[in-house]
Amino acid sequence: MHVKISNHAMDSCNKRGATINEVLSAIEQGTREPVKLGRIMCRLNFEFNQVWENK
């Protein structure tokens, strides 16, 4: 499967501390849920174990 990562998605990854490999894993292995405008959200939780937004 070919996946194109938009600039908006890259910005979101950077803000959330996610890697492209994690995004691709979520697409390939995660659960899928319908969202607005007929789109589908893929979700897969990862352990972060680092400071993010001072938490």
PDB file of N, CA and C in Angstrom:
ATOM      1  N   MET A   1       0.841  -1.167   0.000  1.00  0.00           N
ATOM      2  CA  MET A   1       0.000   0.000   0.000  1.00  0.00           C
ATOM      3  C   MET A   1       0.895   1.243   0.000  1.00  0.00           C
ATOM      4  N   HIS A   2       0.577   2.196  -0.851  1.00  0.00           N
ATOM      5  CA  HIS A   2       1.320   3.461  -0.902  1.00  0.00           C
ATOM      6  C   HIS A   2       0.593   4.485  -0.043  1.00  0.00           C
ATOM      7  N   VAL A   3       1.318   5.109   0.876  1.00  0.00           N
ATOM      8  CA  VAL A   3       0.740   6.112   1.762  1.00  0.00           C
ATOM      9  C   VAL A   3       1.485   7.417   1.559  1.00  0.00           C
ATOM     10  N   LYS A   4       0.744   8.488   1.306  1.00  0.00           N
ATOM     11  CA  LYS A   4       1.341   9.817   1.175  1.00  0.00           C
ATOM     12  C   LYS A   4       1.059  10.576   2.465  1.00  0.00           C
ATOM     13  N   ILE A   5       2.104  11.059   3.110  1.00  0.00           N
ATOM     14  CA  ILE A   5       1.979  11.813   4.349  1.00  0.00           C
ATOM     15  C   ILE A   5       1.979  13.301   3.996  1.00  0.00           C
ATOM     16  N   SER A   6       0.888  13.996   4.323  1.00  0.00           N
ATOM     17  CA  SER A   6       0.777  15.423   4.000  1.00  0.00           C
ATOM     18  C   SER A   6       1.638  16.257   4.946  1.00  0.00           C
ATOM     19  N   ASN A   7       1.886  17.486   4.560  1.00  0.00           N
ATOM     20  CA  ASN A   7       2.620  18.409   5.433  1.00  0.00           C
ATOM     21  C   ASN A   7       1.880  18.617   6.747  1.00  0.00           C
ATOM     22  N   HIS A   8       0.551  18.684   6.673  1.00  0.00           N
ATOM     23  CA  HIS A   8      -0.258  18.842   7.882  1.00  0.00           C
ATOM     24  C   HIS A   8      -0.062  17.638   8.816  1.00  0.00           C
ATOM     25  N   ALA A   9      -0.039  16.441   8.253  1.00  0.00           N
ATOM     26  CA  ALA A   9       0.175  15.234   9.063  1.00  0.00           C
ATOM     27  C   ALA A   9       1.579  15.228   9.666  1.00  0.00           C
ATOM     28  N   MET A  10       2.569  15.675   8.906  1.00  0.00           N
ATOM     29  CA  MET A  10       3.939  15.752   9.426  1.00  0.00           C
ATOM     30  C   MET A  10       4.015  16.729  10.590  1.00  0.00           C
ATOM     31  N   ASP A  11       3.361  17.879  10.459  1.00  0.00           N
ATOM     32  CA  ASP A  11       3.333  18.860  11.540  1.00  0.00           C
ATOM     33  C   ASP A  11       2.671  18.274  12.786  1.00  0.00           C
ATOM     34  N   SER A  12       1.568  17.554  12.578  1.00  0.00           N
ATOM     35  CA  SER A  12       0.872  16.922  13.710  1.00  0.00           C
ATOM     36  C   SER A  12       1.763  15.891  14.388  1.00  0.00           C
ATOM     37  N   CYS A  13       2.498  15.113  13.611  1.00  0.00           N
ATOM     38  CA  CYS A  13       3.432  14.124  14.176  1.00  0.00           C
ATOM     39  C   CYS A  13       4.463  14.818  15.048  1.00  0.00           C
ATOM     40  N   ASN A  14       5.035  15.878  14.544  1.00  0.00           N
ATOM     41  CA  ASN A  14       6.058  16.610  15.293  1.00  0.00           C
ATOM     42  C   ASN A  14       5.503  17.168  16.598  1.00  0.00           C
ATOM     43  N   LYS A  15       4.292  17.713  16.554  1.00  0.00           N
ATOM     44  CA  LYS A  15       3.678  18.282  17.754  1.00  0.00           C
ATOM     45  C   LYS A  15       3.352  17.203  18.784  1.00  0.00           C
ATOM     46  N   ARG A  16       3.023  15.990  18.322  1.00  0.00           N
ATOM     47  CA  ARG A  16       2.582  14.925  19.218  1.00  0.00           C
ATOM     48  C   ARG A  16       3.690  13.939  19.585  1.00  0.00           C
ATOM     49  N   GLY A  17       4.867  14.131  19.003  1.00  0.00           N
ATOM     50  CA  GLY A  17       5.978  13.242  19.314  1.00  0.00           C
ATOM     51  C   GLY A  17       5.884  11.885  18.637  1.00  0.00           C
ATOM     52  N   ALA A  18       5.176  11.805  17.532  1.00  0.00           N
ATOM     53  CA  ALA A  18       5.018  10.553  16.795  1.00  0.00           C
ATOM     54  C   ALA A  18       6.014  10.470  15.652  1.00  0.00           C
ATOM     55  N   THR A  19       6.388   9.265  15.294  1.00  0.00           N
ATOM     56  CA  THR A  19       7.270   9.058  14.150  1.00  0.00           C
ATOM     57  C   THR A  19       6.450   8.605  12.940  1.00  0.00           C
ATOM     58  N   ILE A  20       7.025   8.748  11.774  1.00  0.00           N
ATOM     59  CA  ILE A  20       6.359   8.288  10.556  1.00  0.00           C
ATOM     60  C   ILE A  20       6.129   6.776  10.623  1.00  0.00           C
ATOM     61  N   ASN A  21       7.099   6.029  11.159  1.00  0.00           N
ATOM     62  CA  ASN A  21       6.925   4.579  11.282  1.00  0.00           C
ATOM     63  C   ASN A  21       5.740   4.227  12.171  1.00  0.00           C
ATOM     64  N   GLU A  22       5.511   5.006  13.232  1.00  0.00           N
ATOM     65  CA  GLU A  22       4.354   4.769  14.094  1.00  0.00           C
ATOM     66  C   GLU A  22       3.056   5.055  13.340  1.00  0.00           C
ATOM     67  N   VAL A  23       3.050   6.107  12.555  1.00  0.00           N
ATOM     68  CA  VAL A  23       1.867   6.439  11.753  1.00  0.00           C
ATOM     69  C   VAL A  23       1.570   5.302  10.772  1.00  0.00           C
ATOM     70  N   LEU A  24       2.591   4.822  10.094  1.00  0.00           N
ATOM     71  CA  LEU A  24       2.395   3.729   9.142  1.00  0.00           C
ATOM     72  C   LEU A  24       1.923   2.462   9.846  1.00  0.00           C
ATOM     73  N   SER A  25       2.457   2.185  11.034  1.00  0.00           N
ATOM     74  CA  SER A  25       2.009   1.024  11.811  1.00  0.00           C
ATOM     75  C   SER A  25       0.537   1.167  12.195  1.00  0.00           C
ATOM     76  N   ALA A  26       0.130   2.377  12.576  1.00  0.00           N
ATOM     77  CA  ALA A  26      -1.271   2.611  12.927  1.00  0.00           C
ATOM     78  C   ALA A  26      -2.178   2.366  11.725  1.00  0.00           C
ATOM     79  N   ILE A  27      -1.730   2.794  10.558  1.00  0.00           N
ATOM     80  CA  ILE A  27      -2.524   2.579   9.342  1.00  0.00           C
ATOM     81  C   ILE A  27      -2.619   1.088   9.026  1.00  0.00           C
ATOM     82  N   GLU A  28      -1.522   0.381   9.167  1.00  0.00           N
ATOM     83  CA  GLU A  28      -1.484  -1.044   8.812  1.00  0.00           C
ATOM     84  C   GLU A  28      -2.126  -1.943   9.869  1.00  0.00           C
ATOM     85  N   GLN A  29      -1.929  -1.627  11.164  1.00  0.00           N
ATOM     86  CA  GLN A  29      -2.316  -2.549  12.226  1.00  0.00           C
ATOM     87  C   GLN A  29      -3.382  -2.020  13.176  1.00  0.00           C
ATOM     88  N   GLY A  30      -3.674  -0.734  13.119  1.00  0.00           N
ATOM     89  CA  GLY A  30      -4.563  -0.122  14.102  1.00  0.00           C
ATOM     90  C   GLY A  30      -6.040  -0.400  13.858  1.00  0.00           C
ATOM     91  N   THR A  31      -6.846  -0.001  14.842  1.00  0.00           N
ATOM     92  CA  THR A  31      -8.289  -0.094  14.679  1.00  0.00           C
ATOM     93  C   THR A  31      -8.758   1.063  13.815  1.00  0.00           C
ATOM     94  N   ARG A  32      -9.871   0.870  13.156  1.00  0.00           N
ATOM     95  CA  ARG A  32     -10.414   1.901  12.268  1.00  0.00           C
ATOM     96  C   ARG A  32     -11.767   2.353  12.779  1.00  0.00           C
ATOM     97  N   GLU A  33     -11.975   3.673  12.729  1.00  0.00           N
ATOM     98  CA  GLU A  33     -13.227   4.264  13.184  1.00  0.00           C
ATOM     99  C   GLU A  33     -13.673   5.312  12.170  1.00  0.00           C
ATOM    100  N   PRO A  34     -14.971   5.362  11.860  1.00  0.00           N
ATOM    101  CA  PRO A  34     -15.449   6.417  10.960  1.00  0.00           C
ATOM    102  C   PRO A  34     -15.404   7.772  11.663  1.00  0.00           C
ATOM    103  N   VAL A  35     -15.045   8.805  10.910  1.00  0.00           N
ATOM    104  CA  VAL A  35     -15.029  10.179  11.415  1.00  0.00           C
ATOM    105  C   VAL A  35     -15.742  11.081  10.419  1.00  0.00           C
ATOM    106  N   LYS A  36     -15.671  12.375  10.601  1.00  0.00           N
ATOM    107  CA  LYS A  36     -16.392  13.329   9.757  1.00  0.00           C
ATOM    108  C   LYS A  36     -16.042  13.202   8.280  1.00  0.00           C
ATOM    109  N   LEU A  37     -16.974  13.614   7.469  1.00  0.00           N
ATOM    110  CA  LEU A  37     -16.802  13.727   6.008  1.00  0.00           C
ATOM    111  C   LEU A  37     -16.471  12.398   5.345  1.00  0.00           C
ATOM    112  N   GLY A  38     -16.935  11.280   5.924  1.00  0.00           N
ATOM    113  CA  GLY A  38     -16.727   9.966   5.324  1.00  0.00           C
ATOM    114  C   GLY A  38     -15.315   9.439   5.442  1.00  0.00           C
ATOM    115  N   ARG A  39     -14.512  10.042   6.296  1.00  0.00           N
ATOM    116  CA  ARG A  39     -13.124   9.613   6.476  1.00  0.00           C
ATOM    117  C   ARG A  39     -13.040   8.504   7.511  1.00  0.00           C
ATOM    118  N   ILE A  40     -11.885   7.873   7.584  1.00  0.00           N
ATOM    119  CA  ILE A  40     -11.636   6.808   8.553  1.00  0.00           C
ATOM    120  C   ILE A  40     -10.401   7.164   9.360  1.00  0.00           C
ATOM    121  N   MET A  41     -10.494   7.005  10.687  1.00  0.00           N
ATOM    122  CA  MET A  41      -9.362   7.240  11.575  1.00  0.00           C
ATOM    123  C   MET A  41      -8.757   5.894  11.952  1.00  0.00           C
ATOM    124  N   CYS A  42      -7.430   5.809  11.913  1.00  0.00           N
ATOM    125  CA  CYS A  42      -6.710   4.621  12.355  1.00  0.00           C
ATOM    126  C   CYS A  42      -6.054   4.936  13.689  1.00  0.00           C
ATOM    127  N   ARG A  43      -6.226   4.031  14.674  1.00  0.00           N
ATOM    128  CA  ARG A  43      -5.704   4.291  16.016  1.00  0.00           C
ATOM    129  C   ARG A  43      -4.894   3.089  16.490  1.00  0.00           C
ATOM    130  N   LEU A  44      -3.694   3.390  16.999  1.00  0.00           N
ATOM    131  CA  LEU A  44      -2.824   2.382  17.602  1.00  0.00           C
ATOM    132  C   LEU A  44      -2.006   3.096  18.666  1.00  0.00           C
ATOM    133  N   ASN A  45      -2.114   2.664  19.917  1.00  0.00           N
ATOM    134  CA  ASN A  45      -1.411   3.331  21.014  1.00  0.00           C
ATOM    135  C   ASN A  45       0.014   2.807  21.158  1.00  0.00           C
ATOM    136  N   PHE A  46       0.938   3.737  21.426  1.00  0.00           N
ATOM    137  CA  PHE A  46       2.342   3.424  21.638  1.00  0.00           C
ATOM    138  C   PHE A  46       2.767   3.996  22.981  1.00  0.00           C
ATOM    139  N   GLU A  47       3.727   3.358  23.646  1.00  0.00           N
ATOM    140  CA  GLU A  47       4.304   3.928  24.856  1.00  0.00           C
ATOM    141  C   GLU A  47       5.263   5.033  24.447  1.00  0.00           C
ATOM    142  N   PHE A  48       5.206   6.157  25.147  1.00  0.00           N
ATOM    143  CA  PHE A  48       6.060   7.293  24.819  1.00  0.00           C
ATOM    144  C   PHE A  48       7.211   7.409  25.808  1.00  0.00           C
ATOM    145  N   ASN A  49       6.923   7.335  27.100  1.00  0.00           N
ATOM    146  CA  ASN A  49       7.941   7.336  28.156  1.00  0.00           C
ATOM    147  C   ASN A  49       8.923   8.506  28.075  1.00  0.00           C
ATOM    148  N   GLN A  50       8.447   9.673  27.680  1.00  0.00           N
ATOM    149  CA  GLN A  50       9.263  10.878  27.642  1.00  0.00           C
ATOM    150  C   GLN A  50       8.410  12.061  28.077  1.00  0.00           C
ATOM    151  N   VAL A  51       9.032  13.194  28.264  1.00  0.00           N
ATOM    152  CA  VAL A  51       8.312  14.411  28.620  1.00  0.00           C
ATOM    153  C   VAL A  51       7.678  14.974  27.347  1.00  0.00           C
ATOM    154  N   TRP A  52       6.404  15.346  27.454  1.00  0.00           N
ATOM    155  CA  TRP A  52       5.685  15.967  26.337  1.00  0.00           C
ATOM    156  C   TRP A  52       4.803  17.051  26.905  1.00  0.00           C
ATOM    157  N   GLU A  53       4.950  18.249  26.410  1.00  0.00           N
ATOM    158  CA  GLU A  53       4.211  19.411  26.893  1.00  0.00           C
ATOM    159  C   GLU A  53       4.334  19.531  28.417  1.00  0.00           C
ATOM    160  N   ASN A  54       5.548  19.398  28.906  1.00  0.00           N
ATOM    161  CA  ASN A  54       5.882  19.530  30.328  1.00  0.00           C
ATOM    162  C   ASN A  54       5.191  18.512  31.230  1.00  0.00           C
ATOM    163  N   LYS A  55       4.789  17.390  30.683  1.00  0.00           N
ATOM    164  CA  LYS A  55       4.147  16.330  31.483  1.00  0.00           C
ATOM    165  C   LYS A  55       4.910  15.024  31.340  1.00  0.00           C
TER     166      LYS A  55
END
